Amino acid sequence: MLRPSVVIAGLCAGLLLSTNVFALALSDLSQSDASGGLKDALTQGAQIAVKQLGVPGGFSNNKDVRIELPGSLGKVAKKMKQFGMGAQVDQLEASMNQAAEAAVPQAQALLVDAVKKMSVADAKGILSGGNDSATQYLSKTSRDQIRAKFLPIVKQATDKVGVAQKYNAFAGQAAALGVVDTKDANIEGYVTEQALNGLFKMIGEQEESIRKNPAAAATSLAKKVFGAM
């Protein structure tokens, strides 16, 4: 029978060997494969996020991204609902979420373009980064362009609702008093930022899912790259 010290030494050696194999696996991939697999996975994550959010109920039925009135306005809205005055609040919040749902499909082409422009150096940094490093890259390289696409769509959608103007007036006064953040004092600006936050949150969840389960990747190259990590 082997002594415990020998068994432990053998286990440690095995763990060290498996760690070395794991560490070498990603470096064994060509730069082209590593970059291509990452791009495949990012494109997949972006497309799924857009598909999930850019439909009726995409925001409003998802508690993680549902858009509600901000800060003190949200507290006032809850009080109004308690006293039976929630119809206008519900109408406004429904319009905010519908505006976000209408805007999100415009993001897909910009996200895919950002993925295509990714350099090998970018890919290396992402693959060696944290669980959301690819999402952070997309946010950094495409958020401003997506915002510019979202804003007019959101404005058009919220302008159709009469309470949107009341929101801007009320929120403007609240911002002047310091009870609402200035950036939230304009409904189209607020909804646009919340839509962006929701979009990148969903992309981040897709990235984390693929990192944890490479088999969920849509292409064999993406499975190969994330399976080597």
Protein backbone atom coordinates (compact mmCIF):
# COMPACT_ATOMS: atom_id res chain seq x y z
CA MET A 1 0.00 0.00 0.00
CA LEU A 2 1.35 3.41 -0.94
CA ARG A 3 2.24 5.75 1.88
CA PRO A 4 -0.04 8.86 2.21
CA SER A 5 2.92 11.15 1.47
CA VAL A 6 3.53 9.36 -1.84
CA VAL A 7 -0.15 9.57 -2.79
CA ILE A 8 -0.27 13.29 -1.98
CA ALA A 9 2.91 13.91 -3.95
CA GLY A 10 1.44 12.06 -6.91
CA LEU A 11 -1.77 14.08 -6.75
CA CYS A 12 0.16 17.35 -6.60
CA ALA A 13 2.24 16.33 -9.58
CA GLY A 14 -0.91 15.44 -11.49
CA LEU A 15 -2.52 18.76 -10.67
CA LEU A 16 0.62 20.62 -11.71
CA LEU A 17 0.75 18.72 -14.98
CA SER A 18 -2.93 19.36 -15.75
CA THR A 19 -2.46 23.07 -14.93
CA ASN A 20 0.46 23.28 -17.35
CA VAL A 21 -1.55 21.59 -20.08
CA PHE A 22 -4.44 24.00 -19.43
CA ALA A 23 -2.14 27.01 -19.54
CA LEU A 24 -0.51 25.88 -22.75
CA ALA A 25 -3.75 25.03 -24.53
CA LEU A 26 -4.73 28.63 -25.31
CA SER A 27 -1.21 29.60 -26.34
CA ASP A 28 -1.12 26.62 -28.68
CA LEU A 29 -3.90 28.19 -30.76
CA SER A 30 -2.91 30.36 -33.69
CA GLN A 31 -3.60 34.08 -33.37
CA SER A 32 -6.08 33.73 -36.21
CA ASP A 33 -8.00 30.94 -34.45
CA ALA A 34 -8.01 32.71 -31.09
CA SER A 35 -9.24 35.96 -32.62
CA GLY A 36 -11.75 34.22 -34.89
CA GLY A 37 -13.24 32.13 -32.10
CA LEU A 38 -13.64 35.16 -29.88
CA LYS A 39 -15.32 37.11 -32.67
CA ASP A 40 -17.72 34.23 -33.31
CA ALA A 41 -18.69 34.09 -29.63
CA LEU A 42 -19.08 37.87 -29.34
CA THR A 43 -21.24 38.04 -32.45
CA GLN A 44 -23.38 35.24 -31.07
CA GLY A 45 -23.77 36.96 -27.70
CA ALA A 46 -24.68 40.30 -29.27
CA GLN A 47 -27.24 38.75 -31.61
CA ILE A 48 -28.92 36.80 -28.82
CA ALA A 49 -29.08 39.87 -26.57
CA VAL A 50 -30.65 41.96 -29.33
CA LYS A 51 -33.11 39.18 -30.14
CA GLN A 52 -34.16 38.85 -26.49
CA LEU A 53 -34.59 42.57 -25.85
CA GLY A 54 -35.78 43.89 -29.22
CA VAL A 55 -39.26 42.37 -29.03
CA PRO A 56 -42.47 43.34 -27.20
CA GLY A 57 -41.91 42.58 -23.55
CA GLY A 58 -38.15 42.27 -24.00
CA PHE A 59 -37.55 44.93 -21.34
CA SER A 60 -40.88 45.17 -19.56
CA ASN A 61 -41.12 41.42 -18.80
CA ASN A 62 -37.50 41.08 -17.66
CA LYS A 63 -37.07 42.29 -14.07
CA ASP A 64 -33.29 42.57 -14.55
CA VAL A 65 -33.55 45.23 -17.27
CA ARG A 66 -37.09 46.63 -16.90
CA ILE A 67 -36.99 50.43 -17.04
CA GLU A 68 -38.70 52.26 -14.19
CA LEU A 69 -38.76 55.89 -13.13
CA PRO A 70 -35.44 56.92 -11.57
CA GLY A 71 -34.56 57.92 -8.03
CA SER A 72 -37.05 60.06 -6.17
CA LEU A 73 -39.41 60.00 -9.14
CA GLY A 74 -39.67 56.26 -8.71
CA LYS A 75 -40.57 56.70 -5.03
CA VAL A 76 -43.23 59.26 -5.93
CA ALA A 77 -44.59 56.90 -8.59
CA LYS A 78 -44.95 54.08 -6.06
CA LYS A 79 -46.86 56.39 -3.72
CA MET A 80 -49.15 57.45 -6.59
CA LYS A 81 -49.89 53.80 -7.33
CA GLN A 82 -50.74 53.16 -3.68
CA PHE A 83 -53.30 55.97 -3.79
CA GLY A 84 -54.93 54.76 -6.98
CA MET A 85 -53.20 57.26 -9.29
CA GLY A 86 -51.00 54.77 -11.05
CA ALA A 87 -52.59 54.79 -14.52
CA GLN A 88 -50.43 57.62 -15.81
CA VAL A 89 -47.34 56.14 -14.18
CA ASP A 90 -48.04 52.76 -15.77
CA GLN A 91 -48.58 54.42 -19.14
CA LEU A 92 -45.30 56.29 -18.89
CA GLU A 93 -43.27 53.27 -17.75
CA ALA A 94 -44.85 51.11 -20.46
CA SER A 95 -43.89 53.71 -23.08
CA MET A 96 -40.31 53.84 -21.77
CA ASN A 97 -39.89 50.08 -22.08
CA GLN A 98 -41.58 49.98 -25.49
CA ALA A 99 -39.23 52.72 -26.69
CA ALA A 100 -36.21 50.69 -25.58
CA GLU A 101 -37.59 47.55 -27.26
CA ALA A 102 -38.08 49.49 -30.51
CA ALA A 103 -34.55 50.91 -30.40
CA VAL A 104 -32.50 47.81 -29.56
CA PRO A 105 -32.57 46.13 -33.02
CA GLN A 106 -30.63 49.13 -34.36
CA ALA A 107 -27.67 48.03 -32.25
CA GLN A 108 -26.97 44.74 -33.99
CA ALA A 109 -25.16 46.07 -37.08
CA LEU A 110 -23.01 48.39 -34.94
CA LEU A 111 -22.10 45.60 -32.53
CA VAL A 112 -21.16 43.23 -35.35
CA ASP A 113 -19.07 45.99 -36.95
CA ALA A 114 -17.23 46.57 -33.66
CA VAL A 115 -16.47 42.84 -33.49
CA LYS A 116 -15.13 42.80 -37.05
CA LYS A 117 -12.77 45.70 -36.27
CA MET A 118 -11.27 43.93 -33.26
CA SER A 119 -7.48 43.62 -33.55
CA VAL A 120 -5.38 40.62 -32.55
CA ALA A 121 -4.04 42.67 -29.63
CA ASP A 122 -7.61 43.42 -28.52
CA ALA A 123 -8.47 39.72 -28.72
CA LYS A 124 -5.44 38.75 -26.61
CA GLY A 125 -6.41 41.24 -23.91
CA ILE A 126 -9.99 40.01 -23.87
CA LEU A 127 -9.11 36.32 -23.72
CA SER A 128 -6.79 36.90 -20.78
CA GLY A 129 -9.23 39.26 -19.08
CA GLY A 130 -12.17 38.84 -16.73
CA ASN A 131 -15.55 37.24 -17.33
CA ASP A 132 -16.95 40.41 -18.92
CA SER A 133 -13.85 41.70 -20.72
CA ALA A 134 -15.38 41.12 -24.18
CA THR A 135 -18.54 42.97 -23.16
CA GLN A 136 -16.46 45.84 -21.80
CA TYR A 137 -14.63 45.99 -25.14
CA LEU A 138 -17.94 46.21 -27.03
CA SER A 139 -19.26 48.88 -24.69
CA LYS A 140 -16.08 50.95 -25.08
CA THR A 141 -16.00 50.68 -28.90
CA SER A 142 -19.69 50.90 -29.80
CA ARG A 143 -21.69 52.52 -26.99
CA ASP A 144 -21.50 56.09 -28.33
CA GLN A 145 -22.54 55.05 -31.84
CA ILE A 146 -25.42 52.95 -30.49
CA ARG A 147 -26.55 55.82 -28.28
CA ALA A 148 -26.75 58.08 -31.34
CA LYS A 149 -28.94 55.47 -33.08
CA PHE A 150 -31.17 54.88 -30.06
CA LEU A 151 -31.87 58.49 -29.09
CA PRO A 152 -34.10 59.58 -32.01
CA ILE A 153 -36.05 56.31 -31.91
CA VAL A 154 -36.64 56.64 -28.18
CA LYS A 155 -37.62 60.29 -28.55
CA GLN A 156 -40.10 59.49 -31.31
CA ALA A 157 -41.66 56.74 -29.21
CA THR A 158 -41.89 58.74 -25.96
CA ASP A 159 -43.15 61.89 -27.70
CA LYS A 160 -46.31 59.97 -28.59
CA VAL A 161 -47.17 59.76 -24.90
CA GLY A 162 -48.48 62.98 -23.37
CA VAL A 163 -47.02 62.25 -19.94
CA ALA A 164 -43.50 62.27 -21.40
CA GLN A 165 -43.61 66.08 -21.48
CA LYS A 166 -44.86 66.09 -17.88
CA TYR A 167 -41.97 63.84 -16.92
CA ASN A 168 -39.44 66.24 -18.44
CA ALA A 169 -40.99 69.21 -16.65
CA PHE A 170 -41.24 67.41 -13.30
CA ALA A 171 -37.82 65.77 -13.57
CA GLY A 172 -36.23 69.07 -14.59
CA GLN A 173 -37.53 70.70 -11.41
CA ALA A 174 -36.44 67.70 -9.34
CA ALA A 175 -32.96 67.85 -10.85
CA ALA A 176 -32.72 71.54 -10.00
CA LEU A 177 -33.49 70.62 -6.38
CA GLY A 178 -30.89 67.86 -6.45
CA VAL A 179 -33.32 64.96 -5.85
CA VAL A 180 -32.87 63.50 -9.34
CA ASP A 181 -29.61 63.11 -11.25
CA THR A 182 -29.30 65.71 -14.03
CA LYS A 183 -28.71 63.01 -16.65
CA ASP A 184 -32.10 61.48 -15.73
CA ALA A 185 -34.02 64.75 -16.12
CA ASN A 186 -34.79 64.14 -19.80
CA ILE A 187 -36.92 61.10 -20.58
CA GLU A 188 -35.35 60.20 -23.92
CA GLY A 189 -31.84 60.51 -22.49
CA TYR A 190 -32.75 58.44 -19.44
CA VAL A 191 -34.46 55.69 -21.44
CA THR A 192 -31.60 55.58 -23.94
CA GLU A 193 -29.02 55.05 -21.17
CA GLN A 194 -31.17 52.41 -19.50
CA ALA A 195 -31.62 50.63 -22.83
CA LEU A 196 -27.84 50.64 -23.33
CA ASN A 197 -27.28 49.34 -19.81
CA GLY A 198 -29.79 46.56 -20.38
CA LEU A 199 -28.27 45.62 -23.72
CA PHE A 200 -24.72 45.31 -22.39
CA LYS A 201 -25.94 43.51 -19.29
CA MET A 202 -27.51 40.83 -21.50
CA ILE A 203 -24.39 40.61 -23.70
CA GLY A 204 -22.35 40.19 -20.51
CA GLU A 205 -24.57 37.32 -19.40
CA GLN A 206 -24.07 35.63 -22.76
CA GLU A 207 -20.30 36.05 -22.49
CA GLU A 208 -20.22 34.62 -18.98
CA SER A 209 -22.36 31.68 -20.09
CA ILE A 210 -20.00 30.79 -22.96
CA ARG A 211 -16.93 31.15 -20.74
CA LYS A 212 -18.46 28.74 -18.22
CA ASN A 213 -19.86 26.37 -20.84
CA PRO A 214 -17.90 26.52 -24.12
CA ALA A 215 -20.22 23.86 -25.59
CA ALA A 216 -22.90 26.58 -25.71
CA ALA A 217 -20.91 28.45 -28.36
CA ALA A 218 -22.48 28.34 -31.81
CA THR A 219 -19.34 27.63 -33.86
CA SER A 220 -16.70 24.93 -33.53
CA LEU A 221 -13.95 27.57 -33.53
CA ALA A 222 -15.52 29.43 -30.59
CA LYS A 223 -15.92 26.13 -28.71
CA LYS A 224 -12.26 25.38 -29.37
CA VAL A 225 -11.04 28.74 -28.13
CA PHE A 226 -13.18 28.96 -24.99
CA GLY A 227 -12.65 25.28 -24.26
CA ALA A 228 -8.91 25.98 -24.10
CA MET A 229 -9.29 28.70 -21.48
